[in-house]
Full PDB file with SEQRES, HELIX, SHEET, SSBOND, CRYST1, ORIGX, SCALE, CONECT and MASTER records, all heavy atoms in Angstrom:
SEQRES   1 A   33  ALA ASP LYS ALA GLN LEU ASP ALA PHE ALA THR LEU LEU          
SEQRES   2 A   33  PRO GLU ASP GLN LEU GLU VAL LEU HIS TYR LEU ALA GLU          
SEQRES   3 A   33  GLY PHE GLY PRO GLU ASP VAL                                  
HELIX    1 AA1 LYS A    3  PHE A    9  1                                   7    
HELIX    2 AA2 GLU A   15  ALA A   25  1                                  11    
CRYST1    1.000    1.000    1.000  90.00  90.00  90.00 P 1           1          
ORIGX1      1.000000  0.000000  0.000000        0.00000                         
ORIGX2      0.000000  1.000000  0.000000        0.00000                         
ORIGX3      0.000000  0.000000  1.000000        0.00000                         
SCALE1      1.000000  0.000000  0.000000        0.00000                         
SCALE2      0.000000  1.000000  0.000000        0.00000                         
SCALE3      0.000000  0.000000  1.000000        0.00000                         
ATOM      1  N   ALA A   1      97.567 103.157 107.024  1.00  0.00           N  
ATOM      2  CA  ALA A   1      98.222 103.670 108.231  1.00  0.00           C  
ATOM      3  C   ALA A   1      99.600 103.064 108.447  1.00  0.00           C  
ATOM      4  O   ALA A   1     100.435 103.662 109.131  1.00  0.00           O  
ATOM      5  CB  ALA A   1      97.355 103.393 109.458  1.00  0.00           C  
ATOM      6  N   ASP A   2      99.880 101.878 107.874  1.00  0.00           N  
ATOM      7  CA  ASP A   2     101.187 101.254 108.109  1.00  0.00           C  
ATOM      8  C   ASP A   2     101.501 100.279 106.970  1.00  0.00           C  
ATOM      9  O   ASP A   2     100.683 100.036 106.082  1.00  0.00           O  
ATOM     10  CB  ASP A   2     101.228 100.538 109.464  1.00  0.00           C  
ATOM     11  CG  ASP A   2     100.084  99.540 109.642  1.00  0.00           C  
ATOM     12  OD1 ASP A   2      99.740  98.849 108.658  1.00  0.00           O  
ATOM     13  OD2 ASP A   2      99.534  99.462 110.747  1.00  0.00           O  
ATOM     14  N   LYS A   3     102.706  99.716 107.035  1.00  0.00           N  
ATOM     15  CA  LYS A   3     103.166  98.823 105.977  1.00  0.00           C  
ATOM     16  C   LYS A   3     102.375  97.513 105.946  1.00  0.00           C  
ATOM     17  O   LYS A   3     102.218  96.909 104.884  1.00  0.00           O  
ATOM     18  CB  LYS A   3     104.664  98.547 106.146  1.00  0.00           C  
ATOM     19  CG  LYS A   3     105.538  99.741 105.824  1.00  0.00           C  
ATOM     20  CD  LYS A   3     107.010  99.382 105.792  1.00  0.00           C  
ATOM     21  CE  LYS A   3     107.572  99.258 107.178  1.00  0.00           C  
ATOM     22  NZ  LYS A   3     109.045  99.098 107.181  1.00  0.00           N  
ATOM     23  N   ALA A   4     101.892  97.063 107.103  1.00  0.00           N  
ATOM     24  CA  ALA A   4     101.087  95.838 107.120  1.00  0.00           C  
ATOM     25  C   ALA A   4      99.817  96.010 106.298  1.00  0.00           C  
ATOM     26  O   ALA A   4      99.388  95.093 105.592  1.00  0.00           O  
ATOM     27  CB  ALA A   4     100.747  95.462 108.561  1.00  0.00           C  
ATOM     28  N   GLN A   5      99.216  97.193 106.370  1.00  0.00           N  
ATOM     29  CA  GLN A   5      98.022  97.449 105.569  1.00  0.00           C  
ATOM     30  C   GLN A   5      98.369  97.511 104.080  1.00  0.00           C  
ATOM     31  O   GLN A   5      97.592  97.050 103.236  1.00  0.00           O  
ATOM     32  CB  GLN A   5      97.357  98.742 106.030  1.00  0.00           C  
ATOM     33  CG  GLN A   5      96.732  98.653 107.411  1.00  0.00           C  
ATOM     34  CD  GLN A   5      96.014  99.926 107.811  1.00  0.00           C  
ATOM     35  OE1 GLN A   5      96.108 100.946 107.135  1.00  0.00           O  
ATOM     36  NE2 GLN A   5      95.302  99.878 108.929  1.00  0.00           N  
ATOM     37  N   LEU A   6      99.518  98.079 103.769  1.00  0.00           N  
ATOM     38  CA  LEU A   6      99.958  98.087 102.367  1.00  0.00           C  
ATOM     39  C   LEU A   6     100.104  96.660 101.855  1.00  0.00           C  
ATOM     40  O   LEU A   6      99.712  96.349 100.719  1.00  0.00           O  
ATOM     41  CB  LEU A   6     101.271  98.853 102.229  1.00  0.00           C  
ATOM     42  CG  LEU A   6     101.917  98.855 100.838  1.00  0.00           C  
ATOM     43  CD1 LEU A   6     100.981  99.457  99.790  1.00  0.00           C  
ATOM     44  CD2 LEU A   6     103.236  99.625 100.870  1.00  0.00           C  
ATOM     45  N   ASP A   7     100.658  95.775 102.693  1.00  0.00           N  
ATOM     46  CA  ASP A   7     100.805  94.378 102.291  1.00  0.00           C  
ATOM     47  C   ASP A   7      99.450  93.730 102.019  1.00  0.00           C  
ATOM     48  O   ASP A   7      99.338  92.834 101.179  1.00  0.00           O  
ATOM     49  CB  ASP A   7     101.548  93.594 103.379  1.00  0.00           C  
ATOM     50  CG  ASP A   7     103.024  93.952 103.454  1.00  0.00           C  
ATOM     51  OD1 ASP A   7     103.551  94.482 102.458  1.00  0.00           O  
ATOM     52  OD2 ASP A   7     103.643  93.720 104.511  1.00  0.00           O  
ATOM     53  N   ALA A   8      98.419  94.172 102.733  1.00  0.00           N  
ATOM     54  CA  ALA A   8      97.084  93.613 102.511  1.00  0.00           C  
ATOM     55  C   ALA A   8      96.554  93.953 101.129  1.00  0.00           C  
ATOM     56  O   ALA A   8      95.724  93.230 100.569  1.00  0.00           O  
ATOM     57  CB  ALA A   8      96.120  94.128 103.587  1.00  0.00           C  
ATOM     58  N   PHE A   9      97.036  95.055 100.556  1.00  0.00           N  
ATOM     59  CA  PHE A   9      96.620  95.472  99.215  1.00  0.00           C  
ATOM     60  C   PHE A   9      97.519  94.877  98.124  1.00  0.00           C  
ATOM     61  O   PHE A   9      97.248  95.067  96.934  1.00  0.00           O  
ATOM     62  CB  PHE A   9      96.681  97.001  99.104  1.00  0.00           C  
ATOM     63  CG  PHE A   9      95.456  97.705  99.625  1.00  0.00           C  
ATOM     64  CD1 PHE A   9      95.355  98.062 100.955  1.00  0.00           C  
ATOM     65  CD2 PHE A   9      94.402  98.009  98.782  1.00  0.00           C  
ATOM     66  CE1 PHE A   9      94.236  98.718 101.440  1.00  0.00           C  
ATOM     67  CE2 PHE A   9      93.268  98.664  99.259  1.00  0.00           C  
ATOM     68  CZ  PHE A   9      93.193  99.022 100.591  1.00  0.00           C  
ATOM     69  N   ALA A  10      98.601  94.199  98.514  1.00  0.00           N  
ATOM     70  CA  ALA A  10      99.665  93.868  97.563  1.00  0.00           C  
ATOM     71  C   ALA A  10      99.180  93.089  96.347  1.00  0.00           C  
ATOM     72  O   ALA A  10      99.621  93.347  95.222  1.00  0.00           O  
ATOM     73  CB  ALA A  10     100.772  93.097  98.280  1.00  0.00           C  
ATOM     74  N   THR A  11      98.281  92.120  96.548  1.00  0.00           N  
ATOM     75  CA  THR A  11      97.849  91.287  95.417  1.00  0.00           C  
ATOM     76  C   THR A  11      96.830  91.994  94.527  1.00  0.00           C  
ATOM     77  O   THR A  11      96.480  91.474  93.473  1.00  0.00           O  
ATOM     78  CB  THR A  11      97.238  89.966  95.917  1.00  0.00           C  
ATOM     79  OG1 THR A  11      96.129  90.263  96.772  1.00  0.00           O  
ATOM     80  CG2 THR A  11      98.268  89.163  96.697  1.00  0.00           C  
ATOM     81  N   LEU A  12      96.372  93.173  94.950  1.00  0.00           N  
ATOM     82  CA  LEU A  12      95.331  93.878  94.205  1.00  0.00           C  
ATOM     83  C   LEU A  12      95.887  94.997  93.337  1.00  0.00           C  
ATOM     84  O   LEU A  12      95.257  95.390  92.352  1.00  0.00           O  
ATOM     85  CB  LEU A  12      94.300  94.484  95.177  1.00  0.00           C  
ATOM     86  CG  LEU A  12      93.755  93.565  96.278  1.00  0.00           C  
ATOM     87  CD1 LEU A  12      92.789  94.347  97.165  1.00  0.00           C  
ATOM     88  CD2 LEU A  12      93.091  92.348  95.674  1.00  0.00           C  
ATOM     89  N   LEU A  13      97.068  95.520  93.690  1.00  0.00           N  
ATOM     90  CA  LEU A  13      97.579  96.730  93.051  1.00  0.00           C  
ATOM     91  C   LEU A  13      98.408  96.430  91.809  1.00  0.00           C  
ATOM     92  O   LEU A  13      99.033  95.364  91.708  1.00  0.00           O  
ATOM     93  CB  LEU A  13      98.435  97.515  94.043  1.00  0.00           C  
ATOM     94  CG  LEU A  13      97.733  98.026  95.301  1.00  0.00           C  
ATOM     95  CD1 LEU A  13      98.741  98.714  96.217  1.00  0.00           C  
ATOM     96  CD2 LEU A  13      96.610  98.984  94.943  1.00  0.00           C  
ATOM     97  N   PRO A  14      98.486  97.370  90.872  1.00  0.00           N  
ATOM     98  CA  PRO A  14      99.371  97.224  89.722  1.00  0.00           C  
ATOM     99  C   PRO A  14     100.832  97.137  90.186  1.00  0.00           C  
ATOM    100  O   PRO A  14     101.231  97.804  91.151  1.00  0.00           O  
ATOM    101  CB  PRO A  14      99.127  98.507  88.908  1.00  0.00           C  
ATOM    102  CG  PRO A  14      97.797  99.008  89.371  1.00  0.00           C  
ATOM    103  CD  PRO A  14      97.679  98.610  90.800  1.00  0.00           C  
ATOM    104  N   GLU A  15     101.615  96.326  89.501  1.00  0.00           N  
ATOM    105  CA  GLU A  15     102.972  96.008  89.959  1.00  0.00           C  
ATOM    106  C   GLU A  15     103.855  97.244  90.113  1.00  0.00           C  
ATOM    107  O   GLU A  15     104.503  97.437  91.151  1.00  0.00           O  
ATOM    108  CB  GLU A  15     103.625  95.019  88.997  1.00  0.00           C  
ATOM    109  CG  GLU A  15     105.019  94.603  89.412  1.00  0.00           C  
ATOM    110  CD  GLU A  15     105.571  93.495  88.542  1.00  0.00           C  
ATOM    111  OE1 GLU A  15     104.834  92.526  88.286  1.00  0.00           O  
ATOM    112  OE2 GLU A  15     106.725  93.600  88.120  1.00  0.00           O  
ATOM    113  N   ASP A  16     103.938  98.103  89.078  1.00  0.00           N  
ATOM    114  CA  ASP A  16     104.818  99.264  89.164  1.00  0.00           C  
ATOM    115  C   ASP A  16     104.381 100.214  90.279  1.00  0.00           C  
ATOM    116  O   ASP A  16     105.213 100.768  91.006  1.00  0.00           O  
ATOM    117  CB  ASP A  16     104.849 100.016  87.827  1.00  0.00           C  
ATOM    118  CG  ASP A  16     105.614  99.258  86.757  1.00  0.00           C  
ATOM    119  OD1 ASP A  16     106.236  98.230  87.095  1.00  0.00           O  
ATOM    120  OD2 ASP A  16     105.585  99.678  85.587  1.00  0.00           O  
ATOM    121  N   GLN A  17     103.069 100.403  90.425  1.00  0.00           N  
ATOM    122  CA  GLN A  17     102.576 101.299  91.460  1.00  0.00           C  
ATOM    123  C   GLN A  17     102.810 100.714  92.852  1.00  0.00           C  
ATOM    124  O   GLN A  17     103.157 101.437  93.797  1.00  0.00           O  
ATOM    125  CB  GLN A  17     101.094 101.599  91.239  1.00  0.00           C  
ATOM    126  CG  GLN A  17     100.818 102.320  89.916  1.00  0.00           C  
ATOM    127  CD  GLN A  17      99.376 102.780  89.788  1.00  0.00           C  
ATOM    128  OE1 GLN A  17      98.874 103.457  90.673  1.00  0.00           O  
ATOM    129  NE2 GLN A  17      98.721 102.416  88.697  1.00  0.00           N  
ATOM    130  N   LEU A  18     102.643  99.407  92.989  1.00  0.00           N  
ATOM    131  CA  LEU A  18     102.912  98.760  94.267  1.00  0.00           C  
ATOM    132  C   LEU A  18     104.375  98.934  94.658  1.00  0.00           C  
ATOM    133  O   LEU A  18     104.694  99.229  95.818  1.00  0.00           O  
ATOM    134  CB  LEU A  18     102.564  97.273  94.181  1.00  0.00           C  
ATOM    135  CG  LEU A  18     102.936  96.430  95.400  1.00  0.00           C  
ATOM    136  CD1 LEU A  18     102.159  96.884  96.628  1.00  0.00           C  
ATOM    137  CD2 LEU A  18     102.685  94.945  95.126  1.00  0.00           C  
ATOM    138  N   GLU A  19     105.275  98.769  93.683  1.00  0.00           N  
ATOM    139  CA  GLU A  19     106.696  98.906  94.008  1.00  0.00           C  
ATOM    140  C   GLU A  19     107.027 100.337  94.420  1.00  0.00           C  
ATOM    141  O   GLU A  19     107.818 100.566  95.341  1.00  0.00           O  
ATOM    142  CB  GLU A  19     107.558  98.473  92.823  1.00  0.00           C  
ATOM    143  CG  GLU A  19     109.016  98.348  93.197  1.00  0.00           C  
ATOM    144  CD  GLU A  19     109.860  97.706  92.113  1.00  0.00           C  
ATOM    145  OE1 GLU A  19     109.296  97.255  91.101  1.00  0.00           O  
ATOM    146  OE2 GLU A  19     111.083  97.666  92.283  1.00  0.00           O  
ATOM    147  N   VAL A  20     106.437 101.315  93.770  1.00  0.00           N  
ATOM    148  CA  VAL A  20     106.634 102.712  94.170  1.00  0.00           C  
ATOM    149  C   VAL A  20     106.211 102.902  95.626  1.00  0.00           C  
ATOM    150  O   VAL A  20     106.938 103.504  96.437  1.00  0.00           O  
ATOM    151  CB  VAL A  20     105.834 103.655  93.241  1.00  0.00           C  
ATOM    152  CG1 VAL A  20     105.683 105.034  93.880  1.00  0.00           C  
ATOM    153  CG2 VAL A  20     106.533 103.786  91.894  1.00  0.00           C  
ATOM    154  N   LEU A  21     105.050 102.405  95.983  1.00  0.00           N  
ATOM    155  CA  LEU A  21     104.550 102.571  97.343  1.00  0.00           C  
ATOM    156  C   LEU A  21     105.410 101.830  98.357  1.00  0.00           C  
ATOM    157  O   LEU A  21     105.651 102.324  99.468  1.00  0.00           O  
ATOM    158  CB  LEU A  21     103.099 102.092  97.428  1.00  0.00           C  
ATOM    159  CG  LEU A  21     102.086 102.902  96.601  1.00  0.00           C  
ATOM    160  CD1 LEU A  21     100.694 102.280  96.714  1.00  0.00           C  
ATOM    161  CD2 LEU A  21     102.059 104.363  97.044  1.00  0.00           C  
ATOM    162  N   HIS A  22     105.901 100.657  97.980  1.00  0.00           N  
ATOM    163  CA  HIS A  22     106.777  99.918  98.889  1.00  0.00           C  
ATOM    164  C   HIS A  22     108.080 100.696  99.138  1.00  0.00           C  
ATOM    165  O   HIS A  22     108.558 100.764 100.275  1.00  0.00           O  
ATOM    166  CB  HIS A  22     107.086  98.535  98.326  1.00  0.00           C  
ATOM    167  CG  HIS A  22     106.066  97.495  98.683  1.00  0.00           C  
ATOM    168  ND1 HIS A  22     105.624  97.297  99.962  1.00  0.00           N  
ATOM    169  CD2 HIS A  22     105.402  96.591  97.913  1.00  0.00           C  
ATOM    170  CE1 HIS A  22     104.734  96.320  99.991  1.00  0.00           C  
ATOM    171  NE2 HIS A  22     104.579  95.880  98.757  1.00  0.00           N  
ATOM    172  N   TYR A  23     108.666 101.243  98.102  1.00  0.00           N  
ATOM    173  CA  TYR A  23     109.891 102.019  98.265  1.00  0.00           C  
ATOM    174  C   TYR A  23     109.647 103.212  99.187  1.00  0.00           C  
ATOM    175  O   TYR A  23     110.439 103.492 100.104  1.00  0.00           O  
ATOM    176  CB  TYR A  23     110.390 102.505  96.910  1.00  0.00           C  
ATOM    177  CG  TYR A  23     111.377 101.583  96.233  1.00  0.00           C  
ATOM    178  CD1 TYR A  23     111.035 100.270  95.917  1.00  0.00           C  
ATOM    179  CD2 TYR A  23     112.644 102.020  95.886  1.00  0.00           C  
ATOM    180  CE1 TYR A  23     111.924  99.425  95.289  1.00  0.00           C  
ATOM    181  CE2 TYR A  23     113.548 101.179  95.255  1.00  0.00           C  
ATOM    182  CZ  TYR A  23     113.178  99.879  94.954  1.00  0.00           C  
ATOM    183  OH  TYR A  23     114.072  99.047  94.342  1.00  0.00           O  
ATOM    184  N   LEU A  24     108.567 103.936  98.953  1.00  0.00           N  
ATOM    185  CA  LEU A  24     108.255 105.088  99.795  1.00  0.00           C  
ATOM    186  C   LEU A  24     108.028 104.654 101.243  1.00  0.00           C  
ATOM    187  O   LEU A  24     108.472 105.326 102.184  1.00  0.00           O  
ATOM    188  CB  LEU A  24     107.022 105.813  99.263  1.00  0.00           C  
ATOM    189  CG  LEU A  24     107.174 106.518  97.901  1.00  0.00           C  
ATOM    190  CD1 LEU A  24     105.820 107.001  97.410  1.00  0.00           C  
ATOM    191  CD2 LEU A  24     108.162 107.681  97.977  1.00  0.00           C  
ATOM    192  N   ALA A  25     107.352 103.534 101.426  1.00  0.00           N  
ATOM    193  CA  ALA A  25     107.082 103.041 102.773  1.00  0.00           C  
ATOM    194  C   ALA A  25     108.354 102.642 103.506  1.00  0.00           C  
ATOM    195  O   ALA A  25     108.417 102.695 104.741  1.00  0.00           O  
ATOM    196  CB  ALA A  25     106.117 101.850 102.714  1.00  0.00           C  
ATOM    197  N   GLU A  26     109.382 102.234 102.770  1.00  0.00           N  
ATOM    198  CA  GLU A  26     110.659 101.860 103.381  1.00  0.00           C  
ATOM    199  C   GLU A  26     111.527 103.075 103.682  1.00  0.00           C  
ATOM    200  O   GLU A  26     112.633 102.936 104.204  1.00  0.00           O  
ATOM    201  CB  GLU A  26     111.422 100.889 102.469  1.00  0.00           C  
ATOM    202  CG  GLU A  26     110.782  99.524 102.333  1.00  0.00           C  
ATOM    203  CD  GLU A  26     110.830  98.714 103.622  1.00  0.00           C  
ATOM    204  OE1 GLU A  26     111.614  99.075 104.513  1.00  0.00           O  
ATOM    205  OE2 GLU A  26     110.065  97.737 103.735  1.00  0.00           O  
ATOM    206  N   GLY A  27     111.050 104.266 103.346  1.00  0.00           N  
ATOM    207  CA  GLY A  27     111.793 105.474 103.686  1.00  0.00           C  
ATOM    208  C   GLY A  27     112.621 106.067 102.568  1.00  0.00           C  
ATOM    209  O   GLY A  27     113.345 107.045 102.784  1.00  0.00           O  
ATOM    210  N   PHE A  28     112.535 105.506 101.362  1.00  0.00           N  
ATOM    211  CA  PHE A  28     113.271 106.074 100.233  1.00  0.00           C  
ATOM    212  C   PHE A  28     112.568 107.351  99.762  1.00  0.00           C  
ATOM    213  O   PHE A  28     111.345 107.433  99.736  1.00  0.00           O  
ATOM    214  CB  PHE A  28     113.365 105.072  99.080  1.00  0.00           C  
ATOM    215  CG  PHE A  28     114.194 103.864  99.409  1.00  0.00           C  
ATOM    216  CD1 PHE A  28     113.598 102.694  99.845  1.00  0.00           C  
ATOM    217  CD2 PHE A  28     115.577 103.898  99.295  1.00  0.00           C  
ATOM    218  CE1 PHE A  28     114.356 101.578 100.168  1.00  0.00           C  
ATOM    219  CE2 PHE A  28     116.346 102.785  99.606  1.00  0.00           C  
ATOM    220  CZ  PHE A  28     115.737 101.627 100.049  1.00  0.00           C  
ATOM    221  N   GLY A  29     113.359 108.362  99.381  1.00  0.00           N  
ATOM    222  CA  GLY A  29     112.792 109.612  98.915  1.00  0.00           C  
ATOM    223  C   GLY A  29     112.216 109.502  97.519  1.00  0.00           C  
ATOM    224  O   GLY A  29     112.576 108.604  96.747  1.00  0.00           O  
ATOM    225  N   PRO A  30     111.311 110.424  97.144  1.00  0.00           N  
ATOM    226  CA  PRO A  30     110.705 110.380  95.806  1.00  0.00           C  
ATOM    227  C   PRO A  30     111.733 110.403  94.675  1.00  0.00           C  
ATOM    228  O   PRO A  30     111.532 109.748  93.642  1.00  0.00           O  
ATOM    229  CB  PRO A  30     109.821 111.629  95.792  1.00  0.00           C  
ATOM    230  CG  PRO A  30     109.490 111.875  97.229  1.00  0.00           C  
ATOM    231  CD  PRO A  30     110.714 111.470  97.981  1.00  0.00           C  
ATOM    232  N   GLU A  31     112.828 111.144  94.860  1.00  0.00           N  
ATOM    233  CA  GLU A  31     113.847 111.199  93.800  1.00  0.00           C  
ATOM    234  C   GLU A  31     114.476 109.827  93.595  1.00  0.00           C  
ATOM    235  O   GLU A  31     114.703 109.392  92.454  1.00  0.00           O  
ATOM    236  CB  GLU A  31     114.928 112.231  94.146  1.00  0.00           C  
ATOM    237  CG  GLU A  31     114.423 113.667  94.212  1.00  0.00           C  
ATOM    238  CD  GLU A  31     113.763 113.975  95.561  1.00  0.00           C  
ATOM    239  OE1 GLU A  31     113.793 113.107  96.474  1.00  0.00           O  
ATOM    240  OE2 GLU A  31     113.203 115.072  95.696  1.00  0.00           O  
ATOM    241  N   ASP A  32     114.802 109.137  94.710  1.00  0.00           N  
ATOM    242  CA  ASP A  32     115.372 107.796  94.606  1.00  0.00           C  
ATOM    243  C   ASP A  32     114.388 106.831  93.958  1.00  0.00           C  
ATOM    244  O   ASP A  32     114.762 105.986  93.139  1.00  0.00           O  
ATOM    245  CB  ASP A  32     115.762 107.270  95.989  1.00  0.00           C  
ATOM    246  CG  ASP A  32     116.901 108.053  96.618  1.00  0.00           C  
ATOM    247  OD1 ASP A  32     117.717 108.614  95.866  1.00  0.00           O  
ATOM    248  OD2 ASP A  32     116.954 108.112  97.867  1.00  0.00           O  
ATOM    249  N   VAL A  33     113.117 106.943  94.328  1.00  0.00           N  
ATOM    250  CA  VAL A  33     112.108 106.046  93.774  1.00  0.00           C  
ATOM    251  C   VAL A  33     111.940 106.287  92.274  1.00  0.00           C  
ATOM    252  O   VAL A  33     111.835 105.341  91.490  1.00  0.00           O  
ATOM    253  CB  VAL A  33     110.762 106.230  94.509  1.00  0.00           C  
ATOM    254  CG1 VAL A  33     109.695 105.339  93.889  1.00  0.00           C  
ATOM    255  CG2 VAL A  33     110.911 105.913  95.985  1.00  0.00           C  
TER     256      VAL A  33                                                      
MASTER        0    0    0    2    0    0    0    6  255    1    0    3          
END                                                                             
């Protein structure tokens, strides 16, 4: 539901996929990501 919850998953997720999700959560568009 929010970025705080994404942070709770941070140590569990694959690095490249986590970075994609962080970029999207910060408001960057899919093309930029």
